[in-house]
Each structure stands twice: as structure tokens, then as C-alpha cells.
Protein backbone atom coordinates (compact mmCIF):
# COMPACT_ATOMS: atom_id res chain seq x y z
CA MET A 1 21.30 17.68 -7.38
CA SER A 2 17.48 17.80 -7.43
CA ARG A 3 16.93 15.27 -4.67
CA PRO A 4 18.53 14.25 -1.36
CA GLY A 5 21.63 12.15 -1.68
CA PHE A 6 20.13 9.96 1.05
CA SER A 7 17.29 10.35 3.51
CA PHE A 8 16.69 9.55 7.18
CA LEU A 9 13.09 9.13 8.28
CA LEU A 10 12.48 8.82 12.03
CA CYS A 11 9.01 7.63 13.03
CA PRO A 12 7.52 4.63 14.91
CA ASP A 13 4.50 4.43 12.56
CA ALA A 14 5.11 2.38 9.39
CA GLU A 15 2.20 3.92 7.49
CA LEU A 16 3.47 7.45 8.09
CA LEU A 17 6.85 6.33 6.81
CA ARG A 18 5.23 4.98 3.65
CA LEU A 19 3.38 8.24 3.08
CA ARG A 20 6.55 10.25 3.62
CA ILE A 21 8.43 8.18 1.06
CA GLU A 22 5.60 8.80 -1.41
CA ASP A 23 5.88 12.54 -0.77
CA LEU A 24 9.65 12.52 -1.23
CA VAL A 25 9.42 10.69 -4.54
CA GLN A 26 6.66 13.01 -5.71
CA GLU A 27 8.64 16.08 -4.70
CA HIS A 28 12.09 15.08 -5.92
CA GLY A 29 11.72 12.17 -8.30
CA ALA A 30 8.29 12.29 -9.93
CA ASP A 31 9.84 12.29 -13.42
CA THR A 32 11.86 9.15 -12.68
CA THR A 33 10.76 5.53 -12.63
CA TRP A 34 12.12 4.03 -9.42
CA VAL A 35 12.70 0.34 -8.80
CA ARG A 36 12.13 -0.14 -5.09
CA ARG A 37 14.29 -2.52 -3.04
CA VAL A 38 13.34 -3.03 0.61
CA TYR A 39 15.61 -4.50 3.29
CA TRP A 40 14.93 -5.15 6.98
CA ALA A 41 17.82 -4.27 9.29
CA ASP A 42 16.37 -6.27 12.20
CA GLU A 43 16.52 -9.59 10.34
CA GLY A 44 20.23 -10.11 10.98
CA ASP A 45 23.21 -9.35 8.76
CA LEU A 46 22.13 -7.68 5.55
CA PRO A 47 22.93 -9.72 2.42
CA GLY A 48 25.56 -8.85 -0.13
CA ALA A 49 22.76 -7.76 -2.47
CA PHE A 50 22.04 -4.86 -0.14
CA TRP A 51 25.56 -3.47 -0.38
CA GLN A 52 25.50 -3.93 -4.15
CA ASP A 53 22.18 -2.11 -4.42
CA MET A 54 23.64 0.71 -2.31
CA SER A 55 26.77 1.23 -4.40
CA ILE A 56 26.60 -0.34 -7.89
CA PRO A 57 24.37 1.45 -10.48
CA ASP A 58 22.19 -0.59 -12.79
CA LEU A 59 23.82 -1.28 -16.17
CA MET A 60 20.57 -0.36 -17.92
CA GLY A 61 20.43 3.00 -16.14
CA THR A 62 17.38 2.12 -14.00
CA SER A 63 17.00 4.31 -10.92
CA ARG A 64 16.83 2.47 -7.63
CA LEU A 65 15.12 3.38 -4.37
CA VAL A 66 16.78 1.44 -1.54
CA VAL A 67 14.53 1.46 1.53
CA ILE A 68 16.00 0.16 4.79
CA ARG A 69 13.24 -0.59 7.32
CA ARG A 70 14.01 -0.57 11.05
CA ALA A 71 17.44 0.83 10.38
CA ASN A 72 17.67 1.58 14.12
CA ALA A 73 18.65 -2.12 14.46
CA PHE A 74 21.90 -1.51 12.56
CA LEU A 75 25.01 -2.47 14.51
CA VAL A 76 27.95 -0.09 14.90
CA ASP A 77 29.93 -1.80 12.13
CA SER A 78 27.09 -1.30 9.65
CA TRP A 79 26.79 2.42 10.38
CA ASN A 80 30.57 2.76 10.02
CA LYS A 81 30.61 0.79 6.78
CA LEU A 82 28.06 3.17 5.27
CA SER A 83 30.52 6.07 5.47
CA SER A 84 32.25 5.23 2.21
CA THR A 85 28.95 4.26 0.52
CA LEU A 86 27.29 7.60 1.31
CA ALA A 87 30.37 9.72 0.72
CA SER A 88 29.39 10.66 -2.84
CA PHE A 89 26.09 11.34 -4.62
CA ASN A 90 24.81 8.66 -6.97
CA SER A 91 22.09 9.87 -9.32
CA GLN A 92 20.71 6.33 -9.83
CA ILE A 93 20.60 5.24 -6.16
CA TRP A 94 18.54 6.88 -3.43
CA PRO A 95 19.01 5.26 0.02
CA ILE A 96 16.19 5.91 2.49
CA PHE A 97 16.76 4.83 6.11
CA CYS A 98 13.64 4.29 8.24
CA LEU A 99 14.40 4.47 11.95
CA GLU A 100 11.50 3.03 13.96
CA GLY A 101 12.99 2.71 17.43
CA GLY A 102 10.26 4.38 19.45
CA LEU A 103 10.25 7.66 21.36
CA ASP A 104 12.46 9.14 24.05
CA LYS A 105 11.20 10.68 27.32
CA LYS A 106 10.50 13.98 25.54
CA GLY A 107 8.31 12.25 22.98
CA ASN A 108 10.79 12.54 20.11
CA PRO A 109 11.90 9.62 17.90
CA LYS A 110 15.05 7.98 19.18
CA THR A 111 18.26 8.26 17.15
CA PRO A 112 21.10 5.76 17.71
CA LYS A 113 24.12 7.53 19.20
CA THR A 114 26.40 5.72 16.77
CA LEU A 115 24.49 7.26 13.88
CA THR A 116 24.63 10.81 15.22
CA LYS A 117 28.44 10.54 15.40
CA GLN A 118 28.74 9.81 11.68
CA LYS A 119 29.79 12.59 9.29
CA TYR A 120 27.00 11.73 6.86
CA TRP A 121 24.43 12.33 9.62
CA ALA A 122 25.74 15.87 10.08
CA VAL A 123 25.49 16.39 6.32
CA ALA A 124 21.91 15.10 6.29
CA GLU A 125 20.90 17.42 9.13
CA LYS A 126 22.54 20.43 7.47
CA LYS A 127 20.90 19.78 4.10
CA GLY A 128 17.47 18.98 5.53
CA TRP A 129 17.55 15.30 4.59
CA VAL A 130 16.26 14.23 8.02
CA TRP A 131 12.51 13.96 8.65
CA SER A 132 11.15 13.22 12.11
CA SER A 133 7.67 12.48 13.44
CA PRO A 134 6.48 11.04 16.78
CA GLY A 135 3.68 9.24 14.96
CA LEU A 136 0.02 10.05 15.36
CA THR A 137 -0.92 11.97 18.50
CA ARG A 138 -3.92 14.14 19.25
CA ASN A 139 -1.72 17.10 18.29
CA THR A 140 -0.50 15.68 14.97
CA LEU A 141 -3.84 14.19 13.86
CA PRO A 142 -5.15 17.51 12.41
CA ASN A 143 -2.27 17.60 9.92
CA PHE A 144 -2.81 13.93 9.08
CA ILE A 145 -6.51 14.57 8.43
CA ALA A 146 -5.73 17.62 6.30
CA ASP A 147 -3.18 15.62 4.33
CA TYR A 148 -5.72 12.84 3.75
CA ALA A 149 -8.24 15.37 2.48
CA ARG A 150 -5.65 16.81 0.08
CA ARG A 151 -4.59 13.41 -1.26
CA ASN A 152 -8.16 12.22 -1.78
CA GLY A 153 -9.86 15.40 -2.93
CA LYS A 154 -12.17 15.66 0.07
CA ASP A 155 -13.42 18.72 1.94
CA ILE A 156 -13.33 18.18 5.71
CA PRO A 157 -14.48 21.35 7.52
CA ILE A 158 -12.51 22.46 10.57
CA PRO A 159 -15.27 21.54 13.11
CA VAL A 160 -15.41 18.03 11.66
CA ARG A 161 -11.60 17.76 11.82
CA GLN A 162 -11.71 18.78 15.48
CA SER A 163 -14.18 15.99 16.19
CA LEU A 164 -12.09 13.49 14.26
CA THR A 165 -9.00 14.25 16.36
CA GLN A 166 -10.81 12.74 19.34
CA LEU A 167 -12.38 9.83 17.48
CA LEU A 168 -9.66 8.38 15.26
CA PRO A 169 -7.23 5.71 16.51
CA LEU A 170 -3.63 6.79 16.98
CA ASP A 171 -2.12 4.59 14.30
CA ALA A 172 -2.01 5.78 10.71
CA VAL A 173 -3.42 2.58 9.16
CA GLY A 174 -6.39 2.54 11.51
CA ALA A 175 -7.00 6.28 11.09
CA ARG A 176 -6.76 6.01 7.31
CA ASN A 177 -9.23 3.10 7.27
CA GLU A 178 -11.75 5.15 9.25
CA LEU A 179 -11.29 8.13 6.92
CA ASP A 180 -11.76 5.82 3.92
CA LYS A 181 -15.09 4.74 5.41
CA LEU A 182 -16.14 8.38 5.78
CA ALA A 183 -15.11 9.09 2.18
CA LEU A 184 -17.25 6.17 0.97
CA ALA A 185 -20.17 7.36 3.09
CA ALA A 186 -19.90 10.82 1.51
CA GLY A 187 -20.41 9.22 -1.90
CA ASP A 188 -20.21 11.63 -4.83
CA SER A 189 -20.06 14.59 -2.47
CA GLU A 190 -16.61 16.01 -1.81
CA ARG A 191 -17.57 17.10 1.70
CA ILE A 192 -17.44 14.96 4.85
CA THR A 193 -19.86 16.24 7.48
CA ASP A 194 -20.78 15.59 11.12
CA GLU A 195 -23.56 13.29 9.91
CA HIS A 196 -20.96 10.80 8.69
CA LEU A 197 -19.06 10.53 11.97
CA GLY A 198 -21.46 7.99 13.47
CA ILE A 199 -19.96 5.17 11.36
CA ILE A 200 -16.51 5.49 12.97
CA SER A 201 -15.57 2.39 14.96
CA SER A 202 -14.98 2.63 18.69
CA GLU A 203 -11.50 3.57 19.83
CA ALA A 204 -9.10 0.85 18.65
CA ASP A 205 -6.86 1.43 21.69
CA VAL A 206 -9.67 0.26 23.98
CA ASP A 207 -10.11 -2.91 21.91
CA VAL A 208 -6.43 -3.80 22.20
CA PHE A 209 -6.40 -3.02 25.93
CA SER A 210 -9.43 -5.28 26.30
CA PHE A 211 -7.59 -7.96 24.37
CA ILE A 212 -4.67 -7.86 26.82
CA SER A 213 -7.01 -7.66 29.82
CA MET A 214 -8.96 -10.72 28.67
CA LEU A 215 -5.79 -12.79 28.41
CA PHE A 216 -4.59 -11.64 31.82
CA SER A 217 -7.95 -12.38 33.44
CA GLY A 218 -7.71 -16.01 32.34
CA ARG A 219 -10.00 -16.17 29.31
CA SER A 220 -9.07 -19.05 27.03
CA PRO A 221 -7.20 -18.28 23.77
CA GLU A 222 -10.21 -19.53 21.81
CA LYS A 223 -12.46 -16.92 23.41
CA VAL A 224 -9.91 -14.20 22.78
CA TRP A 225 -9.53 -15.34 19.17
CA LYS A 226 -13.31 -15.09 18.64
CA ARG A 227 -13.47 -11.65 20.22
CA VAL A 228 -10.74 -10.30 17.97
CA PHE A 229 -12.34 -11.75 14.85
CA ASP A 230 -15.72 -10.36 15.89
CA ASN A 231 -14.12 -6.92 16.18
CA ARG A 232 -12.44 -7.30 12.78
CA LEU A 233 -8.98 -6.66 14.20
CA VAL A 234 -7.68 -9.68 12.31
CA SER A 235 -8.70 -11.27 9.04
CA SER A 236 -7.09 -13.17 6.20
CA SER A 237 -5.41 -9.89 5.20
CA ASP A 238 -1.87 -9.73 6.55
CA ASN A 239 -2.07 -5.91 6.32
CA ILE A 240 -4.84 -5.90 8.93
CA LEU A 241 -2.83 -8.23 11.14
CA PHE A 242 0.23 -5.97 10.84
CA SER A 243 -1.96 -3.05 11.87
CA PHE A 244 -3.13 -5.03 14.91
CA LEU A 245 0.46 -5.94 15.81
CA ALA A 246 1.42 -2.27 15.66
CA LEU A 247 -1.45 -1.41 18.02
CA LEU A 248 -0.48 -4.26 20.33
CA GLN A 249 3.13 -3.03 20.54
CA ARG A 250 1.93 0.52 21.13
CA GLU A 251 -0.33 -0.64 23.98
CA ALA A 252 2.53 -2.67 25.47
CA ARG A 253 4.76 0.41 25.34
CA ILE A 254 2.15 2.50 27.16
CA LEU A 255 1.73 -0.14 29.88
CA TRP A 256 5.51 -0.59 30.16
CA GLU A 257 5.98 3.16 30.65
CA MET A 258 3.27 3.19 33.31
CA SER A 259 4.82 0.20 35.06
CA MET A 260 8.08 2.17 35.26
CA GLY A 261 6.32 5.21 36.71
CA GLU A 262 6.76 7.21 33.52
CA THR A 263 4.23 9.40 31.71
CA PRO A 264 2.96 7.58 28.60
CA SER A 265 4.59 8.84 25.42
CA THR A 266 1.23 8.81 23.62
CA TRP A 267 -2.23 10.05 24.53
CA VAL A 268 -4.36 7.90 26.84
CA PRO A 269 -8.11 8.55 27.31
CA ARG A 270 -8.74 9.93 30.80
CA ASN A 271 -11.24 7.21 31.66
CA MET A 272 -8.65 4.53 30.82
CA VAL A 273 -5.69 5.85 32.84
CA GLY A 274 -6.59 4.12 36.12
CA LYS A 275 -7.38 0.78 34.46
CA LYS A 276 -4.14 0.80 32.52
CA GLN A 277 -2.07 1.75 35.55
CA THR A 278 -3.53 -1.18 37.50
CA LEU A 279 -2.83 -3.70 34.74
CA ALA A 280 0.64 -2.26 34.19
CA ARG A 281 1.57 -2.80 37.85
CA GLN A 282 0.21 -6.34 37.77
CA LEU A 283 2.14 -7.35 34.66
CA GLY A 284 5.43 -5.56 35.30
CA PRO A 285 8.00 -4.32 32.74
CA SER A 286 9.67 -7.66 31.96
CA ARG A 287 6.43 -9.39 30.94
CA LEU A 288 5.31 -6.38 28.94
CA ALA A 289 8.65 -6.41 27.11
CA SER A 290 7.86 -9.99 26.07
CA VAL A 291 4.88 -8.70 24.12
CA TRP A 292 7.25 -7.02 21.64
CA ASP A 293 9.21 -10.24 21.14
CA LEU A 294 6.03 -12.21 20.44
CA ALA A 295 4.72 -9.54 18.06
CA PHE A 296 8.02 -9.49 16.15
CA GLU A 297 7.93 -13.28 15.93
CA ALA A 298 4.41 -13.19 14.47
CA GLU A 299 5.42 -10.55 11.92
CA LEU A 300 8.54 -12.43 10.89
CA GLY A 301 6.58 -15.66 10.49
CA ILE A 302 4.28 -14.02 7.95
CA LYS A 303 7.00 -12.16 6.04
CA SER A 304 9.14 -15.27 5.76
CA GLY A 305 6.20 -17.32 4.52
CA GLN A 306 6.51 -19.80 7.38
CA ARG A 307 3.05 -18.98 8.73
CA SER A 308 -0.27 -17.71 7.44
CA PRO A 309 -1.77 -14.65 9.22
CA GLU A 310 -4.17 -16.95 11.10
CA GLN A 311 -1.35 -19.28 12.19
CA ALA A 312 0.80 -16.37 13.30
CA PHE A 313 -2.06 -14.91 15.31
CA GLU A 314 -2.81 -18.24 16.96
CA ALA A 315 0.85 -18.60 17.98
CA LEU A 316 0.79 -15.00 19.28
CA ILE A 317 -2.21 -15.70 21.50
CA GLY A 318 -0.60 -18.88 22.84
CA GLY A 319 2.62 -17.03 23.67
CA LEU A 320 0.82 -14.15 25.37
CA TYR A 321 -1.37 -16.57 27.31
CA ALA A 322 1.75 -18.30 28.66
CA VAL A 323 3.39 -15.00 29.66
CA PHE A 324 0.30 -13.68 31.45
CA ARG A 325 -0.41 -17.03 33.12
CA ASP A 326 2.87 -16.68 35.00
CA ALA A 327 1.83 -13.21 36.14
CA ASN A 328 -1.64 -14.27 37.27
CA PRO A 329 -1.71 -18.03 37.92
CA SER A 330 -4.75 -17.89 40.22
CA ARG A 331 -7.05 -16.71 37.44
CA MET A 332 -5.84 -18.91 34.59
CA ARG A 333 -8.07 -21.81 33.79
């Protein structure tokens, strides 16, 4: 068996998951043409097609990569049902489970207890079929930058990498976009230098925090909409909107942790700690939890085709405005 029978990838960052899948295919299945099937475990009961893709080989011998996003949303029955499906190796079917349930108090990706009790989980751990990453942090950014340089044939000297670890946003899509800009600025040269760093956008985390602060302070949704468009956080590209939603959920998680008196699970600039603590206390954990629901609703609206990115973003702003108005009625106008 030249590849894992199945894989578990634990990480809250969707872009890092995508890159890891690319690496796995390159390492274990580069000589095979894979048909990719993607299912979302948080969209309710998985269809019969999912179970067929997991167990019935293609009659034409086509190899199939079955990617299950947000597998942390699986119910107990689904994890149990997988026991028979994963009991034997199928050369034509490679299941990859992406668990995106956030981090625990130690900063490690959460693993559902039901999953860890399954025999196939023990097999995966023993054989090294489990990959885990907390997402981008100031500590993991150097490896991300080095990996980008390797994939794109760029030379990024160590001093420049050290500077980048303090400048890049802590989401893989945003960080990759900034590195792409640096690569373009370098032109035909393979080397990225300190001279190129001036084109990096200001910290995306601050923009998203400002976005939440503006809504809470009573600015109208129209003004917030214009600010976000002016900062290019949203455009007609749904990929950019998904990146913004990921940043929004990350910011909500940081504020929620602060509101509960916990240490944030991701890095927060020192000059922003006090401001975020104040806003976190004002909003409270229940309202901050609503941010996730609204973000998921916006994402689902786009994926289902019910809304355009602009429509989804407009509905998101309206929902957030309503939530924060209840928290701060004296300032809403």
C-alpha cells in the first residue's frame, strides 16, 4: 500500500487543508489521476451518493478522492457507520476527513471524542495517517513562508522571513495573497528582499476588528459596506468573501475567548489587547457566538447558489447590525 488507506486532517484553516491535500496527493498519488468528490458534513445528513463514493469503486477503474469538509460536524451514528467502510483498504478510493472544529485550551485542534474511540482512529494514529495543525500563528508562519518559497521557486532570505512573520495576516489565504504580491514585485528575480515589504497591506486582523467596532458603535450598514469595499476585503470574487468570513470567525473567536476570561488561542498584537478586551466585555459570549451563525449562513447562501457574494455580505451586515444593536442600543442610529 503506497498511500494512506484514509487520512484525517485537523486544522481550522481551509487553505492549509487544501495545501496539505495537494502535498498528500503529490507524495502518495502523483502517478494517479484522481477524481475529487467533496462533501460538507455540516450541511445535514450526507446523501446516499457519499456512501456510494466511499465504498463502491468506479466500474471504469477511475481513482476517487473523497474529501469530507468540516467532518467534525459528523454525528455519532455517522462515525460508527464508517467503521465497516474503513475496515479494508480500497486502492481506488481515498477518503480524506477535514476536521475544522477550532482549537482547545492548549492551542491544539479539537478532535471529537466519538472519533477518538473508533478503532480506525487508532489505526490512523499508529500508521501516521493523522495530520494536525493549529493554523497560522507567529510560530508556524516561518514554515508557511518557506513552503511558499519552495512551491513558487522564490528565494526569501531568513531576515526577510523574520520580518514577514510579523507582517503577514494569520490566515493562509491572506498570507498567500500578500506573498503573491511580493513575488510579482520581485519580477524576473527569484529573490524577495526587504525593499519589497513596503507593499504589504496593513494587518488584516485590525481591519476586521475595525469592522466589528464600527457596527457596534452604531455606524450604518451602508457605511460599513463602503469601508469594507474600500479596503478590498470583499469583491465579486466569492473566494475573497470566504477569506473575509474566515477572518471574521477568527476575530469572533478571539473576542469570545477574551469575554470568557481565557487567553486568546491565536496571537493578538500588543497594542490591540486592551481594545479587544473592552469590546469583548461589551458584547458578551452569546452575541459573539451569533457571529459564527451569521457567517455560516452567508457561506451557505453562496455555496447553494441562493445568494451572490454581494447579497450574502449585505445580509451578513444586516444580521450583525441587529445583534450589536441589542448590545448597544444607545449608540445605534
